[in-house]
Every structure is written in structure tokens, then in C-alpha cells.
Protein backbone atom coordinates (compact mmCIF):
# COMPACT_ATOMS: atom_id res chain seq x y z
CA MET A 1 246.15 83.97 97.54
CA LEU A 2 243.29 85.06 99.90
CA LEU A 3 241.64 81.64 99.41
CA ILE A 4 244.88 79.85 100.40
CA LEU A 5 245.22 81.89 103.55
CA LYS A 6 241.60 81.14 104.51
CA HIS A 7 242.20 77.52 103.78
CA LYS A 8 245.35 77.39 106.01
CA SER A 9 243.64 79.17 108.88
CA LEU A 10 240.68 76.82 108.62
CA THR A 11 243.03 73.85 108.61
CA VAL A 12 244.93 75.10 111.67
CA TRP A 13 241.70 75.73 113.52
CA LEU A 14 240.30 72.34 112.68
CA SER A 15 243.59 70.65 113.74
CA MET A 16 243.47 72.48 117.08
CA LEU A 17 239.88 71.44 117.61
CA ALA A 18 240.64 67.77 116.72
CA LEU A 19 243.68 67.82 119.07
CA SER A 20 241.61 69.14 121.96
CA VAL A 21 238.88 66.63 121.40
CA MET A 22 241.41 63.79 121.36
CA LEU A 23 243.07 64.95 124.49
CA THR A 24 239.79 65.10 126.46
CA ALA A 25 238.61 61.81 124.99
CA CYS A 26 241.72 59.92 126.09
CA GLY A 27 241.25 60.99 129.75
CA PHE A 28 243.99 63.51 129.86
CA HIS A 29 243.88 65.73 132.98
CA LEU A 30 246.36 68.18 134.37
CA ARG A 31 248.38 66.81 137.27
CA GLN A 32 246.67 67.33 140.56
CA PRO A 33 248.35 67.16 143.98
CA SER A 34 248.28 63.80 145.70
CA PRO A 35 245.63 63.75 148.44
CA ILE A 36 246.83 63.95 152.02
CA ALA A 37 245.32 61.26 154.35
CA PHE A 38 245.03 63.65 157.29
CA LYS A 39 242.19 66.13 157.92
CA THR A 40 244.13 68.29 160.48
CA ILE A 41 247.69 69.31 160.86
CA HIS A 42 249.71 71.47 163.28
CA ILE A 43 252.70 73.31 161.93
CA LYS A 44 255.49 74.36 164.34
CA GLY A 45 258.43 76.50 163.37
CA THR A 46 258.88 79.42 161.04
CA THR A 47 260.26 79.52 157.53
CA GLN A 48 259.75 81.53 154.40
CA ILE A 49 257.40 78.86 153.01
CA ASN A 50 254.99 78.71 156.05
CA LYS A 51 252.25 80.83 154.51
CA ALA A 52 252.45 79.04 151.13
CA LEU A 53 252.44 75.64 152.97
CA GLN A 54 249.36 76.56 155.00
CA THR A 55 247.57 77.72 151.82
CA ALA A 56 248.49 74.59 149.91
CA LEU A 57 247.27 72.39 152.77
CA THR A 58 244.02 74.34 153.05
CA GLU A 59 243.39 74.01 149.34
CA GLN A 60 243.67 70.24 149.71
CA GLY A 61 241.06 70.22 152.50
CA VAL A 62 243.55 69.88 155.36
CA LYS A 63 242.77 72.11 158.35
CA VAL A 64 245.76 73.86 159.94
CA VAL A 65 245.11 73.93 163.74
CA ALA A 66 246.86 75.94 166.42
CA ASP A 67 246.84 73.21 169.16
CA PRO A 68 248.97 70.13 168.54
CA GLN A 69 246.49 67.99 170.46
CA ASP A 70 243.79 68.74 167.94
CA ALA A 71 245.90 67.63 164.99
CA GLU A 72 246.18 64.18 163.45
CA LEU A 73 249.66 65.07 162.15
CA GLN A 74 252.30 67.43 163.55
CA LEU A 75 254.88 69.01 161.29
CA GLU A 76 257.92 70.68 162.80
CA LEU A 77 259.99 72.86 160.54
CA LEU A 78 263.38 72.66 162.26
CA LYS A 79 265.77 74.73 160.13
CA GLU A 80 265.90 76.71 156.97
CA GLU A 81 269.04 77.61 155.09
CA ASN A 82 269.75 79.86 152.13
CA GLU A 83 273.25 79.55 150.69
CA GLN A 84 275.16 81.02 147.80
CA ARG A 85 278.44 79.48 146.60
CA ILE A 86 280.81 80.52 143.98
CA LEU A 87 280.70 78.03 141.15
CA SER A 88 283.32 79.40 138.74
CA LEU A 89 285.77 82.27 138.31
CA SER A 90 287.10 83.93 135.23
CA GLY A 91 290.85 84.01 134.54
CA ALA A 92 291.03 87.39 136.22
CA GLY A 93 289.44 86.06 139.39
CA VAL A 94 286.03 87.54 138.79
CA VAL A 95 282.97 85.52 139.73
CA ARG A 96 281.13 84.12 136.61
CA GLU A 97 278.72 81.63 138.13
CA TYR A 98 277.01 81.11 141.47
CA GLU A 99 275.19 78.14 142.89
CA LEU A 100 272.15 78.82 145.09
CA TYR A 101 270.84 76.37 147.73
CA TYR A 102 267.60 76.45 149.68
CA ARG A 103 267.07 73.70 152.35
CA VAL A 104 264.33 73.07 154.81
CA GLN A 105 264.83 70.45 157.56
CA TYR A 106 261.68 69.11 159.07
CA ARG A 107 260.15 66.09 160.93
CA THR A 108 256.70 64.76 161.49
CA LYS A 109 254.76 63.02 164.20
CA MET A 110 251.32 61.53 164.37
CA THR A 111 249.57 62.73 167.47
CA GLU A 112 248.94 59.27 168.85
CA GLU A 113 252.64 58.39 168.56
CA ALA A 114 255.24 59.29 171.17
CA VAL A 115 258.27 59.61 168.83
CA TRP A 116 259.05 62.08 166.07
CA THR A 117 260.39 60.78 162.78
CA LEU A 118 264.06 61.34 161.94
CA PRO A 119 264.64 64.81 160.48
CA LEU A 120 264.27 65.00 156.71
CA ILE A 121 265.82 67.56 154.44
CA MET A 122 264.18 68.96 151.31
CA GLU A 123 266.61 70.91 149.13
CA GLY A 124 266.52 73.01 145.99
CA ARG A 125 269.58 73.99 143.97
CA ARG A 126 270.06 76.36 141.02
CA ASP A 127 273.04 77.73 139.09
CA TYR A 128 273.19 81.07 137.43
CA THR A 129 275.75 83.17 135.59
CA TYR A 130 276.80 86.50 137.04
CA ASN A 131 277.99 89.73 135.50
CA ASP A 132 278.63 93.05 137.38
CA ALA A 133 277.44 94.96 134.34
CA ASN A 134 273.95 93.58 134.77
CA LEU A 135 273.77 93.90 138.61
CA LEU A 136 270.06 94.70 138.86
CA ALA A 137 268.99 92.04 136.36
CA LYS A 138 271.13 89.43 138.07
CA GLN A 139 269.65 90.34 141.49
CA ALA A 140 266.18 89.94 140.01
CA GLU A 141 267.22 86.59 138.48
CA GLN A 142 268.56 85.44 141.84
CA LYS A 143 265.20 86.34 143.49
CA LEU A 144 263.24 84.42 140.85
CA LEU A 145 265.50 81.41 141.31
CA THR A 146 265.08 81.55 145.06
CA ASP A 147 261.31 81.72 144.69
CA SER A 148 261.42 78.80 142.31
CA MET A 149 263.47 76.73 144.79
CA GLN A 150 261.01 77.57 147.61
CA THR A 151 258.19 76.32 145.47
CA ASP A 152 260.03 73.13 144.61
CA VAL A 153 260.78 72.51 148.33
CA LEU A 154 257.16 73.22 149.26
CA ASN A 155 255.91 70.74 146.63
CA GLY A 156 258.47 68.17 147.83
CA ILE A 157 257.22 68.45 151.43
CA LEU A 158 253.62 68.16 150.23
CA ARG A 159 254.53 64.99 148.26
CA ARG A 160 256.14 63.45 151.30
CA LEU A 161 253.15 64.41 153.55
CA SER A 162 250.83 62.73 150.92
CA ALA A 163 252.90 59.52 151.19
CA LEU A 164 252.23 59.32 154.94
CA LYS A 165 249.32 57.10 155.90
CA LYS A 166 247.14 57.00 158.96
CA ALA A 167 247.72 54.29 161.42
CA PRO A 168 244.99 51.53 161.32
CA GLN A 169 242.57 51.97 164.18
């Protein structure tokens, strides 16, 4: 019996080793953020994702500057909304499910251009069940869902910024 267990663990170990070698040999890499074509950016406006946005841009090699004239790209965060809607009720009229929304409206402008782009909206939405008996747990779940939506919105804005190209000079 001991010999069989040793044989199984050796087989599992060798299988894991072979899988890792095959993944690295085929060129597999974890997904990286798309590069942003701009070296400097100015962010105007305040939202809950400002600090995370600045950190993400800095990690990609984009310098966040205080003066809009020093930036190649200007990003204006116009409006931020958090919303909670009732999704369903029980037969007794008690709330059973909520739907959470998190939206950020923003626009961009290249410094050499005179006109801002039309405002864009990046939105995250989540549903969750609700129960008064688990009030603290449900409040913690709502916080986690809100944080998750903020991360999704942040990543969406970064993807859209990476799609912007510099004007040919």
C-alpha cells in the first residue's frame, strides 16, 4: 500500500512538472495590461478610483502630472455614481435581492487638440441576495462587490486609454 501511495504522488508530481514545462514552452504568459501610447497624463476630477488609477498608470510608465499643459493626454473624471436598486421582493414584501451599480463618466483630450471627446460612461453592475438575519455578512458582501465593480471600471478606463493613439506629428 505504501508503494502505491509513493507511486501516485510521484505520478502527480511528474504530471505537474510536465504541465508546467508545456505551458512555458508554448509561450503562455499571464495577461499584461495593454501599453498606453502616452508618457504623461493629467487627471482632473475626484472619484473613489483616483488613487488606484494613478497607481495603475504609474506602473505602466505613464507619469501623472499636475499641470495640464505638461501632459500629452488630459483625462477629466466628470461624474461618479453608486446606486442600489431593489431587484426582487418576497411574497411578504421583504427585499430578497439588490442590484448594485457603479458608474464613472469621463472624457479625454489630447493637449494639442482644442476639443474634448464626448463623455464616455464606464459601468459595473452586480446582483446579490439579501437577508436581514445576516446583516453584517451582507454589508461585507456589498462592500466586496462595490470594490470589485470599481476595479472593473478602472480596468475598463485603462483599456480605453490604451486604445487611444497619439496624433502623427
